[in-house]
């Protein structure tokens, strides 16, 4: 599936961020844009305590729900 990020949109975002990339670097960003958007959606979901690194391992059944 082709990326949904247009050349104009990418140029605008890069200019807004003050970045100057080569054409090859822009092509790489375009190919991973959709995957990054999906990752941002997954990361920004509410999670319980067990999603974080464990400092103790005394979880109860209620902790896992």
N, C-alpha and C. Protein backbone atom coordinates (compact mmCIF):
# COMPACT_ATOMS: atom_id res chain seq x y z
N UNK A 1 0.84 -1.17 0.00
CA UNK A 1 0.00 0.00 0.00
C UNK A 1 0.89 1.24 0.00
N UNK A 2 0.63 2.21 -0.87
CA UNK A 2 1.46 3.42 -0.90
C UNK A 2 1.23 4.26 0.35
N UNK A 3 2.22 5.00 0.76
CA UNK A 3 2.06 5.84 1.96
C UNK A 3 1.03 6.94 1.71
N UNK A 4 0.36 7.36 2.78
CA UNK A 4 -0.67 8.39 2.66
C UNK A 4 -0.11 9.79 2.83
N UNK A 5 1.15 9.92 3.13
CA UNK A 5 1.78 11.22 3.31
C UNK A 5 2.19 11.77 1.95
N UNK A 6 1.61 12.91 1.57
CA UNK A 6 1.94 13.50 0.28
C UNK A 6 3.27 14.24 0.35
N UNK A 7 3.85 14.50 -0.80
CA UNK A 7 5.11 15.24 -0.86
C UNK A 7 4.96 16.63 -0.26
N UNK A 8 3.86 17.30 -0.59
CA UNK A 8 3.63 18.65 -0.07
C UNK A 8 3.49 18.64 1.46
N UNK A 9 2.76 17.65 1.98
CA UNK A 9 2.57 17.57 3.43
C UNK A 9 3.91 17.29 4.13
N UNK A 10 4.70 16.39 3.56
CA UNK A 10 6.00 16.09 4.15
C UNK A 10 6.90 17.32 4.12
N UNK A 11 6.92 18.03 3.01
CA UNK A 11 7.73 19.24 2.92
C UNK A 11 7.30 20.27 3.96
N UNK A 12 6.00 20.42 4.15
CA UNK A 12 5.49 21.36 5.15
C UNK A 12 5.93 20.96 6.55
N UNK A 13 5.78 19.68 6.89
CA UNK A 13 6.16 19.21 8.22
C UNK A 13 7.65 19.38 8.47
N UNK A 14 8.46 19.05 7.48
CA UNK A 14 9.90 19.19 7.63
C UNK A 14 10.30 20.66 7.78
N UNK A 15 9.67 21.53 6.99
CA UNK A 15 9.97 22.95 7.09
C UNK A 15 9.55 23.49 8.45
N UNK A 16 8.40 23.06 8.94
CA UNK A 16 7.91 23.50 10.26
C UNK A 16 8.86 23.07 11.37
N UNK A 17 9.47 21.91 11.20
CA UNK A 17 10.40 21.39 12.21
C UNK A 17 11.81 21.94 12.02
N UNK A 18 12.04 22.67 10.94
CA UNK A 18 13.37 23.22 10.69
C UNK A 18 14.37 22.19 10.20
N UNK A 19 13.87 21.14 9.56
CA UNK A 19 14.74 20.07 9.08
C UNK A 19 14.96 20.17 7.58
N UNK A 20 16.14 19.83 7.15
CA UNK A 20 16.47 19.79 5.73
C UNK A 20 16.99 18.39 5.41
N UNK A 21 16.20 17.63 4.68
CA UNK A 21 16.56 16.24 4.39
C UNK A 21 16.83 16.05 2.90
N UNK A 22 17.61 15.03 2.60
CA UNK A 22 17.86 14.68 1.21
C UNK A 22 16.63 13.97 0.65
N UNK A 23 16.57 13.84 -0.68
CA UNK A 23 15.45 13.13 -1.30
C UNK A 23 15.37 11.68 -0.82
N UNK A 24 16.52 11.05 -0.61
CA UNK A 24 16.54 9.66 -0.14
C UNK A 24 15.97 9.57 1.28
N UNK A 25 16.32 10.52 2.13
CA UNK A 25 15.79 10.51 3.50
C UNK A 25 14.28 10.75 3.51
N UNK A 26 13.81 11.64 2.65
CA UNK A 26 12.37 11.89 2.55
C UNK A 26 11.65 10.63 2.07
N UNK A 27 12.24 9.93 1.13
CA UNK A 27 11.62 8.69 0.63
C UNK A 27 11.51 7.66 1.75
N UNK A 28 12.54 7.56 2.58
CA UNK A 28 12.48 6.63 3.72
C UNK A 28 11.37 7.01 4.68
N UNK A 29 11.24 8.29 4.99
CA UNK A 29 10.18 8.74 5.88
C UNK A 29 8.80 8.44 5.32
N UNK A 30 8.62 8.63 4.02
CA UNK A 30 7.33 8.35 3.40
C UNK A 30 6.95 6.88 3.54
N UNK A 31 7.93 5.98 3.43
CA UNK A 31 7.62 4.55 3.48
C UNK A 31 7.23 4.08 4.88
N UNK A 32 7.68 4.77 5.91
CA UNK A 32 7.37 4.33 7.28
C UNK A 32 6.29 5.16 7.95
N UNK A 33 5.78 6.17 7.27
CA UNK A 33 4.80 7.07 7.87
C UNK A 33 3.58 6.34 8.40
N UNK A 34 2.97 5.46 7.61
CA UNK A 34 1.76 4.75 8.04
C UNK A 34 2.03 3.87 9.24
N UNK A 35 3.17 3.20 9.26
CA UNK A 35 3.52 2.35 10.41
C UNK A 35 3.71 3.19 11.66
N UNK A 36 4.32 4.36 11.53
CA UNK A 36 4.51 5.24 12.69
C UNK A 36 3.16 5.75 13.20
N UNK A 37 2.26 6.08 12.30
CA UNK A 37 0.93 6.54 12.71
C UNK A 37 0.20 5.44 13.48
N UNK A 38 0.30 4.21 13.02
CA UNK A 38 -0.34 3.09 13.71
C UNK A 38 0.29 2.88 15.08
N UNK A 39 1.62 3.02 15.17
CA UNK A 39 2.30 2.85 16.45
C UNK A 39 1.87 3.94 17.44
N UNK A 40 1.74 5.18 16.97
CA UNK A 40 1.31 6.26 17.86
C UNK A 40 -0.08 5.99 18.40
N UNK A 41 -0.95 5.41 17.58
CA UNK A 41 -2.30 5.08 18.04
C UNK A 41 -2.24 4.02 19.14
N UNK A 42 -1.41 3.00 18.95
CA UNK A 42 -1.30 1.93 19.96
C UNK A 42 -0.70 2.45 21.25
N UNK A 43 0.31 3.30 21.17
CA UNK A 43 1.01 3.78 22.36
C UNK A 43 0.12 4.69 23.19
N UNK A 44 -0.76 5.43 22.55
CA UNK A 44 -1.58 6.41 23.26
C UNK A 44 -2.87 5.81 23.81
N UNK A 45 -2.89 4.52 24.08
CA UNK A 45 -4.04 3.85 24.67
C UNK A 45 -3.84 3.74 26.18
N UNK A 46 -4.92 3.83 26.97
CA UNK A 46 -4.78 3.63 28.41
C UNK A 46 -4.32 2.20 28.70
N UNK A 47 -3.40 2.08 29.62
CA UNK A 47 -2.88 0.76 30.00
C UNK A 47 -2.83 0.66 31.51
N UNK A 48 -2.86 -0.55 31.99
CA UNK A 48 -2.77 -0.79 33.43
C UNK A 48 -1.33 -0.78 33.91
N UNK A 49 -1.17 -1.04 35.19
CA UNK A 49 0.17 -1.04 35.78
C UNK A 49 1.08 -2.09 35.18
N UNK A 50 0.51 -3.18 34.73
CA UNK A 50 1.34 -4.28 34.23
C UNK A 50 1.98 -3.95 32.89
N UNK A 51 1.60 -2.85 32.25
CA UNK A 51 2.22 -2.46 31.00
C UNK A 51 3.60 -1.84 31.23
N UNK A 52 3.86 -1.41 32.44
CA UNK A 52 5.14 -0.80 32.78
C UNK A 52 6.11 -1.88 33.27
N UNK A 53 7.37 -1.52 33.31
CA UNK A 53 8.36 -2.44 33.84
C UNK A 53 8.05 -2.78 35.29
N UNK A 54 8.22 -4.02 35.63
CA UNK A 54 7.90 -4.47 36.99
C UNK A 54 9.07 -4.21 37.93
N UNK A 55 8.75 -3.58 39.05
CA UNK A 55 9.75 -3.42 40.10
C UNK A 55 9.56 -4.50 41.16
N UNK A 56 8.35 -5.05 41.20
CA UNK A 56 8.06 -6.20 42.04
C UNK A 56 7.25 -7.18 41.20
N UNK A 57 7.20 -8.40 41.64
CA UNK A 57 6.48 -9.43 40.88
C UNK A 57 5.34 -10.01 41.68
N UNK A 58 4.73 -9.23 42.53
CA UNK A 58 3.63 -9.71 43.36
C UNK A 58 2.28 -9.34 42.81
N UNK A 59 2.01 -9.56 41.52
CA UNK A 59 0.73 -9.21 40.93
C UNK A 59 -0.36 -10.16 41.40
N UNK A 60 -1.53 -9.60 41.63
CA UNK A 60 -2.69 -10.43 41.95
C UNK A 60 -3.54 -10.58 40.68
N UNK A 61 -4.56 -11.41 40.76
CA UNK A 61 -5.44 -11.58 39.61
C UNK A 61 -6.13 -10.27 39.25
N UNK A 62 -6.44 -9.44 40.25
CA UNK A 62 -7.09 -8.15 40.00
C UNK A 62 -6.15 -7.20 39.25
N UNK A 63 -4.86 -7.32 39.47
CA UNK A 63 -3.89 -6.45 38.77
C UNK A 63 -3.87 -6.76 37.28
N UNK A 64 -4.17 -7.96 36.90
CA UNK A 64 -4.04 -8.38 35.52
C UNK A 64 -5.28 -8.10 34.68
N UNK A 65 -6.33 -7.53 35.30
CA UNK A 65 -7.54 -7.24 34.52
C UNK A 65 -7.60 -5.79 34.14
